[in-house]
Each structure stands twice: as C-alpha cells, then as structure tokens.
Amino acid sequence: MRMFAALVPPADALDDLEAFLEPRRDAGPDLRWTDSSLWHVTLAFMAQVPDGAVEDVLEGVAGAVAGREPAVLQCKGGGAFPSPYEARVTWVGVQGDSESLQSLAALSRAVRLACARAGGAPAGGPFVPHLTLARSRRPFEATRWLRVLESYEGPDWDASEVTLFASHTRPGHGRARYEPMAVLELGASKH
C-alpha cells in the first residue's frame, strides 16, 4: 500500500492560496493543477508498505508525533522540482520562524525514522516543506511561475496534527485519491 504522513493546512489557508492561484491557472494550460483538496505538506512518503506493516507504521508515526509541539507556519514563495529550468513540479513553500522550521524538520526526521523502523521505508530526498501545485508531463522552464509565487504570502496557520494517508490510484486515471487512516495531534501524550 502507498502511504504518506502529512500536515494539512486549515481551510482558510487553503482557500487563500486557491484564490491567489485561480485567475492564474489559465496561463499554464499544459500544467496539471493539483486540486486544493489534495494539498498537504509531506513529512514521509512510503511507496510500498507491506500489508503486515501498516499497523506498525501507524503506531510508529503516533509515537513520533507524541509530545511534539504544534508550529506556526505560512505558505509563502515557491519553487520547482527538480530545477526551475527543467521543472516537472511547481510548488508553494512553507515558511515559519526559525524555531518552527527546526521543529518541522525534526518532526519530518522523526516520522521518517519511525516509518523505516516499522517496515515502511520512506522514499525521497531531503525534506523541503512545500505544497505541490502543478505537474507537467514534460520538463519546462518555470522561472515565470516562480516570480508569480514569490509574490504570494498566505496567512499564518497552526500545524497541530499529522494525518496518515493511504494513496490510491486507479489504473489509467493517474489521479490519486487520498484516504485518511489516522489523524494524530501534535502535543498529545503517547498511549
């Protein structure tokens, strides 16, 4: 099963970003825009979790989240993967004060380690806090999109819970459906 652990910004933060992007989407007709209901900050992505390890991953993530304090974050600026000149993904960044960003990076490390120990080896490179906005089938030069995203500064929001999702794709559709499996509050004590 494909799974990921993520922070989901609250509706007001997502609505603000949606309102900013809506009039601009037509300027990128070759981009496949991510629906705002799917926006999240991935802490750990696991491409293949064995059925027998799903409960262990859930317990591991719950343990990694327990006792960690919420952080105040903000969607601001943007970037592209793998680079602005050969982009396949454009994204809005997630910012905060230095303490919040250190806390967020430590949370991601703890969640990734817990997933690995539980049998759900996380994929991906270094943690870059972001929300994926659009994808492209072919690499493109994204500097104009990055200039647009640099002007965006959303409202502050409290990152107070981690959601563990199962990610389902239907063959031939390419669109993912995310099924929340657990919502774990930051700062909650361990069971």
Protein backbone atom coordinates (compact mmCIF):
# COMPACT_ATOMS: atom_id res chain seq x y z
CA MET A 1 0.00 0.00 0.00
CA ARG A 2 1.19 3.54 -0.78
CA MET A 3 1.10 5.72 2.32
CA PHE A 4 2.27 9.12 3.46
CA ALA A 5 2.30 11.20 6.62
CA ALA A 6 1.47 14.87 6.15
CA LEU A 7 0.44 18.18 7.62
CA VAL A 8 -2.78 19.52 6.09
CA PRO A 9 -3.17 23.30 6.32
CA PRO A 10 -6.55 24.53 7.57
CA ALA A 11 -9.32 25.52 5.15
CA ASP A 12 -8.72 29.28 5.45
CA ALA A 13 -5.06 28.91 4.42
CA LEU A 14 -6.00 26.63 1.51
CA ASP A 15 -8.80 28.99 0.42
CA ASP A 16 -6.40 31.95 0.42
CA LEU A 17 -3.92 30.08 -1.79
CA GLU A 18 -6.73 28.87 -4.07
CA ALA A 19 -7.99 32.45 -4.51
CA PHE A 20 -4.45 33.57 -5.41
CA LEU A 21 -3.97 30.80 -7.99
CA GLU A 22 -7.43 30.68 -9.59
CA PRO A 23 -7.02 33.60 -12.03
CA ARG A 24 -3.53 32.39 -12.94
CA ARG A 25 -4.29 28.75 -13.79
CA ASP A 26 -5.29 29.50 -17.38
CA ALA A 27 -1.80 30.90 -18.01
CA GLY A 28 -0.42 27.36 -17.63
CA PRO A 29 -2.67 25.17 -19.79
CA ASP A 30 0.00 22.46 -20.08
CA LEU A 31 0.18 22.11 -16.31
CA ARG A 32 -1.89 19.53 -14.44
CA TRP A 33 -3.05 21.53 -11.42
CA THR A 34 -3.45 19.72 -8.13
CA ASP A 35 -6.90 20.08 -6.62
CA SER A 36 -6.75 22.15 -3.43
CA SER A 37 -8.46 19.34 -1.51
CA LEU A 38 -5.26 17.31 -2.02
CA TRP A 39 -2.77 19.96 -0.85
CA HIS A 40 -0.56 18.87 2.04
CA VAL A 41 3.00 19.04 3.38
CA THR A 42 4.50 15.56 3.08
CA LEU A 43 6.58 14.54 6.09
CA ALA A 44 7.25 10.98 4.87
CA PHE A 45 6.19 9.12 1.70
CA MET A 46 6.23 5.35 1.51
CA ALA A 47 5.78 3.91 -1.98
CA GLN A 48 5.15 0.38 -0.72
CA VAL A 49 4.15 -0.57 2.80
CA PRO A 50 3.57 -4.32 3.23
CA ASP A 51 0.07 -5.13 4.49
CA GLY A 52 1.54 -6.61 7.66
CA ALA A 53 3.39 -3.38 8.47
CA VAL A 54 0.50 -0.89 8.16
CA GLU A 55 -0.44 -1.02 11.87
CA ASP A 56 3.23 -0.79 12.87
CA VAL A 57 3.64 2.33 10.69
CA LEU A 58 0.57 3.87 12.28
CA GLU A 59 1.88 3.17 15.78
CA GLY A 60 5.35 4.41 14.84
CA VAL A 61 4.03 7.69 13.46
CA ALA A 62 1.83 8.13 16.56
CA GLY A 63 4.93 7.69 18.72
CA ALA A 64 6.95 10.15 16.60
CA VAL A 65 4.22 12.78 16.88
CA ALA A 66 3.56 12.34 20.60
CA GLY A 67 4.95 15.09 22.76
CA ARG A 68 5.91 17.37 19.84
CA GLU A 69 4.55 20.88 19.95
CA PRO A 70 2.46 22.50 17.19
CA ALA A 71 4.21 25.04 14.96
CA VAL A 72 3.02 28.27 13.34
CA LEU A 73 3.59 28.07 9.58
CA GLN A 74 2.75 30.04 6.45
CA CYS A 75 2.57 29.26 2.74
CA LYS A 76 4.92 31.68 1.03
CA GLY A 77 7.09 31.82 -2.08
CA GLY A 78 7.65 28.88 -4.34
CA GLY A 79 9.94 26.55 -6.17
CA ALA A 80 10.22 23.79 -8.73
CA PHE A 81 11.49 20.22 -8.81
CA PRO A 82 13.98 19.12 -10.00
CA SER A 83 15.04 22.66 -11.04
CA PRO A 84 13.46 25.89 -12.32
CA TYR A 85 14.90 25.25 -15.79
CA GLU A 86 13.67 21.66 -16.17
CA ALA A 87 10.65 21.72 -13.89
CA ARG A 88 8.16 18.90 -13.64
CA VAL A 89 6.61 20.12 -10.40
CA THR A 90 5.84 23.63 -9.16
CA TRP A 91 5.14 24.26 -5.51
CA VAL A 92 4.43 26.87 -2.87
CA GLY A 93 6.84 26.95 0.04
CA VAL A 94 6.08 26.56 3.73
CA GLN A 95 7.78 29.09 5.98
CA GLY A 96 7.89 29.99 9.65
CA ASP A 97 10.24 31.42 12.22
CA SER A 98 13.50 29.55 12.78
CA GLU A 99 12.12 27.65 15.78
CA SER A 100 9.04 26.49 13.82
CA LEU A 101 11.16 25.41 10.84
CA GLN A 102 13.57 23.49 13.06
CA SER A 103 10.62 21.82 14.76
CA LEU A 104 9.10 20.94 11.38
CA ALA A 105 12.37 19.44 10.09
CA ALA A 106 12.78 17.44 13.33
CA LEU A 107 9.20 16.20 13.02
CA SER A 108 9.84 15.01 9.46
CA ARG A 109 13.04 13.20 10.54
CA ALA A 110 11.25 11.52 13.46
CA VAL A 111 8.31 10.44 11.28
CA ARG A 112 10.61 9.09 8.54
CA LEU A 113 12.67 7.16 11.09
CA ALA A 114 9.54 5.71 12.71
CA CYS A 115 8.22 4.62 9.31
CA ALA A 116 11.52 2.98 8.39
CA ARG A 117 11.67 1.10 11.70
CA ALA A 118 8.09 -0.09 11.21
CA GLY A 119 8.74 -1.53 7.74
CA GLY A 120 7.51 1.36 5.58
CA ALA A 121 10.78 2.60 4.10
CA PRO A 122 10.32 6.30 3.20
CA ALA A 123 11.27 7.48 -0.27
CA GLY A 124 12.54 10.84 -1.42
CA GLY A 125 15.41 13.17 -0.89
CA PRO A 126 15.96 15.93 1.66
CA PHE A 127 12.90 17.40 3.34
CA VAL A 128 11.68 20.55 1.58
CA PRO A 129 8.43 21.77 3.17
CA HIS A 130 6.00 22.61 0.35
CA LEU A 131 2.57 22.04 -1.18
CA THR A 132 2.60 20.67 -4.74
CA LEU A 133 0.58 22.97 -7.00
CA ALA A 134 1.07 21.59 -10.51
CA ARG A 135 2.84 18.92 -12.51
CA SER A 136 3.97 18.71 -16.12
CA ARG A 137 4.44 15.67 -18.33
CA ARG A 138 7.48 17.31 -19.93
CA PRO A 139 10.19 19.43 -18.32
CA PHE A 140 9.58 23.15 -18.72
CA GLU A 141 11.23 26.44 -17.80
CA ALA A 142 9.36 27.62 -14.67
CA THR A 143 11.03 30.91 -13.76
CA ARG A 144 7.93 32.96 -14.64
CA TRP A 145 5.86 30.79 -12.28
CA LEU A 146 8.44 31.24 -9.55
CA ARG A 147 8.24 35.03 -9.95
CA VAL A 148 4.45 34.78 -9.52
CA LEU A 149 4.78 32.53 -6.46
CA GLU A 150 7.39 34.84 -4.89
CA SER A 151 4.64 37.45 -4.59
CA TYR A 152 2.42 35.11 -2.56
CA GLU A 153 2.30 35.34 1.22
CA GLY A 154 -0.55 33.44 2.85
CA PRO A 155 -1.95 33.68 6.36
CA ASP A 156 -0.25 32.05 9.33
CA TRP A 157 -1.67 28.68 10.35
CA ASP A 158 -1.16 26.25 13.20
CA ALA A 159 0.34 22.90 12.25
CA SER A 160 -1.27 20.94 15.05
CA GLU A 161 -1.85 17.47 13.63
CA VAL A 162 -0.30 14.88 11.35
CA THR A 163 -2.53 12.83 9.07
CA LEU A 164 -1.50 9.39 7.88
CA PHE A 165 -2.97 8.73 4.42
CA ALA A 166 -3.31 5.75 2.11
CA SER A 167 -2.82 6.86 -1.50
CA HIS A 168 -4.88 5.06 -4.14
CA THR A 169 -4.58 5.48 -7.88
CA ARG A 170 -6.95 3.96 -10.39
CA PRO A 171 -5.21 2.33 -13.37
CA GLY A 172 -5.33 4.59 -16.40
CA HIS A 173 -6.52 7.67 -14.49
CA GLY A 174 -3.33 8.98 -12.92
CA ARG A 175 -5.31 10.93 -10.31
CA ALA A 176 -4.76 9.91 -6.73
CA ARG A 177 -7.38 9.51 -4.06
CA TYR A 178 -6.16 10.03 -0.51
CA GLU A 179 -7.80 8.10 2.30
CA PRO A 180 -7.11 9.43 5.80
CA MET A 181 -6.20 6.50 8.03
CA ALA A 182 -5.42 8.41 11.24
CA VAL A 183 -5.23 11.99 12.47
CA LEU A 184 -2.63 12.43 15.20
CA GLU A 185 -2.49 15.58 17.29
CA LEU A 186 0.87 17.17 17.95
CA GLY A 187 1.47 17.55 21.66
CA ALA A 188 -0.72 14.55 22.54
CA SER A 189 0.76 12.10 25.01
CA LYS A 190 1.80 8.61 23.96
CA HIS A 191 -0.69 5.80 24.65
